Amino acid sequence: MEAVFEASFLKAVKKHASIKKLVKKKVDMIIENPIAIGEPLKGNWQGFYSCPVKRNFIIIYLYCEVCRKKGDDAVVACSNCREISDKTIKFVLLGPHDDAYGI
């Protein structure tokens, strides 16, 4: 499994350094089994998954294989979709629940 970290995710890890160890643990768990750990999202977040880090903190990510199989790649429209393998997980956002979803 290949992990790709978006700039916004890495920036959030630096911003929330106090939970860096928890984030790393969750990232490792997601890489191990992305479907079992995460919850598929709907609506504006179709194709993405979320995983809680702690109480109100979440990770939002894409698992390319599932995204493509479900046809969500047409909705998500990653700029480098065809350049990366199915076995890629893109870590997109990290933050408090409401901030991550833009609420």
Protein backbone atom coordinates (compact mmCIF):
# COMPACT_ATOMS: atom_id res chain seq x y z
CA MET A 1 0.00 0.00 0.00
CA GLU A 2 1.29 3.45 -0.89
CA ALA A 3 0.44 6.49 1.22
CA VAL A 4 0.26 9.98 -0.26
CA PHE A 5 -0.06 12.97 2.05
CA GLU A 6 -1.65 16.16 0.74
CA ALA A 7 -0.06 19.46 1.79
CA SER A 8 -3.16 20.40 3.83
CA PHE A 9 -2.86 17.15 5.81
CA LEU A 10 0.84 17.70 6.58
CA LYS A 11 0.17 21.31 7.58
CA ALA A 12 -2.56 20.15 9.97
CA VAL A 13 -0.22 17.56 11.53
CA LYS A 14 2.25 20.35 12.30
CA LYS A 15 -0.52 22.59 13.64
CA HIS A 16 -1.85 19.86 15.95
CA ALA A 17 1.53 18.46 17.02
CA SER A 18 0.14 17.42 20.42
CA ILE A 19 -1.73 14.51 18.79
CA LYS A 20 0.98 13.58 16.29
CA LYS A 21 1.51 10.12 17.83
CA LEU A 22 -2.22 9.37 17.73
CA VAL A 23 -2.37 10.51 14.11
CA LYS A 24 0.56 8.27 13.15
CA LYS A 25 -1.09 5.30 14.87
CA LYS A 26 -4.36 5.90 12.98
CA VAL A 27 -2.55 6.44 9.67
CA ASP A 28 -0.76 3.10 10.15
CA MET A 29 -4.08 1.40 10.93
CA ILE A 30 -5.70 2.93 7.83
CA ILE A 31 -2.80 1.79 5.64
CA GLU A 32 -3.18 -1.73 7.07
CA ASN A 33 -6.92 -1.93 6.30
CA PRO A 34 -8.45 1.24 4.83
CA ILE A 35 -11.97 -0.08 4.39
CA ALA A 36 -12.39 -1.61 7.86
CA ILE A 37 -11.06 1.44 9.73
CA GLY A 38 -12.82 4.25 7.87
CA GLU A 39 -16.42 5.22 7.32
CA PRO A 40 -17.48 6.04 3.74
CA LEU A 41 -18.77 9.58 3.36
CA LYS A 42 -21.70 10.84 1.30
CA GLY A 43 -22.90 14.02 -0.35
CA ASN A 44 -20.16 16.57 -1.06
CA TRP A 45 -17.63 14.08 0.35
CA GLN A 46 -18.65 11.14 -1.86
CA GLY A 47 -15.68 8.84 -2.45
CA PHE A 48 -13.87 9.87 0.72
CA TYR A 49 -13.58 8.08 4.06
CA SER A 50 -13.29 9.49 7.57
CA CYS A 51 -11.63 8.00 10.62
CA PRO A 52 -11.69 9.45 14.13
CA VAL A 53 -8.32 10.16 15.73
CA LYS A 54 -9.77 11.14 19.07
CA ARG A 55 -13.09 12.50 20.25
CA ASN A 56 -13.71 15.33 17.81
CA PHE A 57 -10.65 14.96 15.52
CA ILE A 58 -10.87 13.14 12.20
CA ILE A 59 -8.75 12.09 9.26
CA ILE A 60 -10.31 12.32 5.80
CA TYR A 61 -8.76 10.13 3.12
CA LEU A 62 -9.30 8.46 -0.24
CA TYR A 63 -8.63 4.83 -1.08
CA CYS A 64 -8.07 4.87 -4.83
CA GLU A 65 -9.08 1.26 -5.54
CA VAL A 66 -12.53 1.65 -3.97
CA CYS A 67 -12.98 5.15 -5.40
CA ARG A 68 -12.46 3.80 -8.92
CA LYS A 69 -14.55 0.63 -8.45
CA LYS A 70 -17.52 2.67 -7.22
CA GLY A 71 -17.12 5.23 -10.01
CA ASP A 72 -16.50 7.99 -7.48
CA ASP A 73 -13.34 9.02 -9.34
CA ALA A 74 -15.58 10.96 -11.74
CA VAL A 75 -16.92 12.98 -8.79
CA VAL A 76 -13.69 13.32 -6.82
CA ALA A 77 -11.66 14.16 -9.95
CA CYS A 78 -8.14 14.00 -8.50
CA SER A 79 -5.71 15.77 -10.79
CA ASN A 80 -3.29 12.81 -10.75
CA CYS A 81 -5.86 9.99 -10.61
CA ARG A 82 -4.57 8.06 -13.64
CA GLU A 83 -0.93 8.42 -12.57
CA ILE A 84 -1.23 6.52 -9.29
CA SER A 85 -1.98 2.88 -8.53
CA ASP A 86 -5.17 1.42 -7.09
CA LYS A 87 -3.24 0.55 -3.93
CA THR A 88 -2.83 4.23 -2.98
CA ILE A 89 -4.33 5.95 0.01
CA LYS A 90 -4.45 9.75 -0.13
CA PHE A 91 -4.56 11.45 3.25
CA VAL A 92 -6.41 14.69 2.51
CA LEU A 93 -7.43 16.45 5.74
CA LEU A 94 -6.93 16.30 9.49
CA GLY A 95 -8.72 18.41 12.03
CA PRO A 96 -11.65 18.98 14.34
CA HIS A 97 -14.81 17.43 12.89
CA ASP A 98 -16.61 20.69 12.05
CA ASP A 99 -13.47 22.34 10.61
CA ALA A 100 -12.64 19.36 8.42
CA TYR A 101 -16.13 19.27 6.91
CA GLY A 102 -16.22 23.05 6.54
CA ILE A 103 -19.21 23.40 8.85
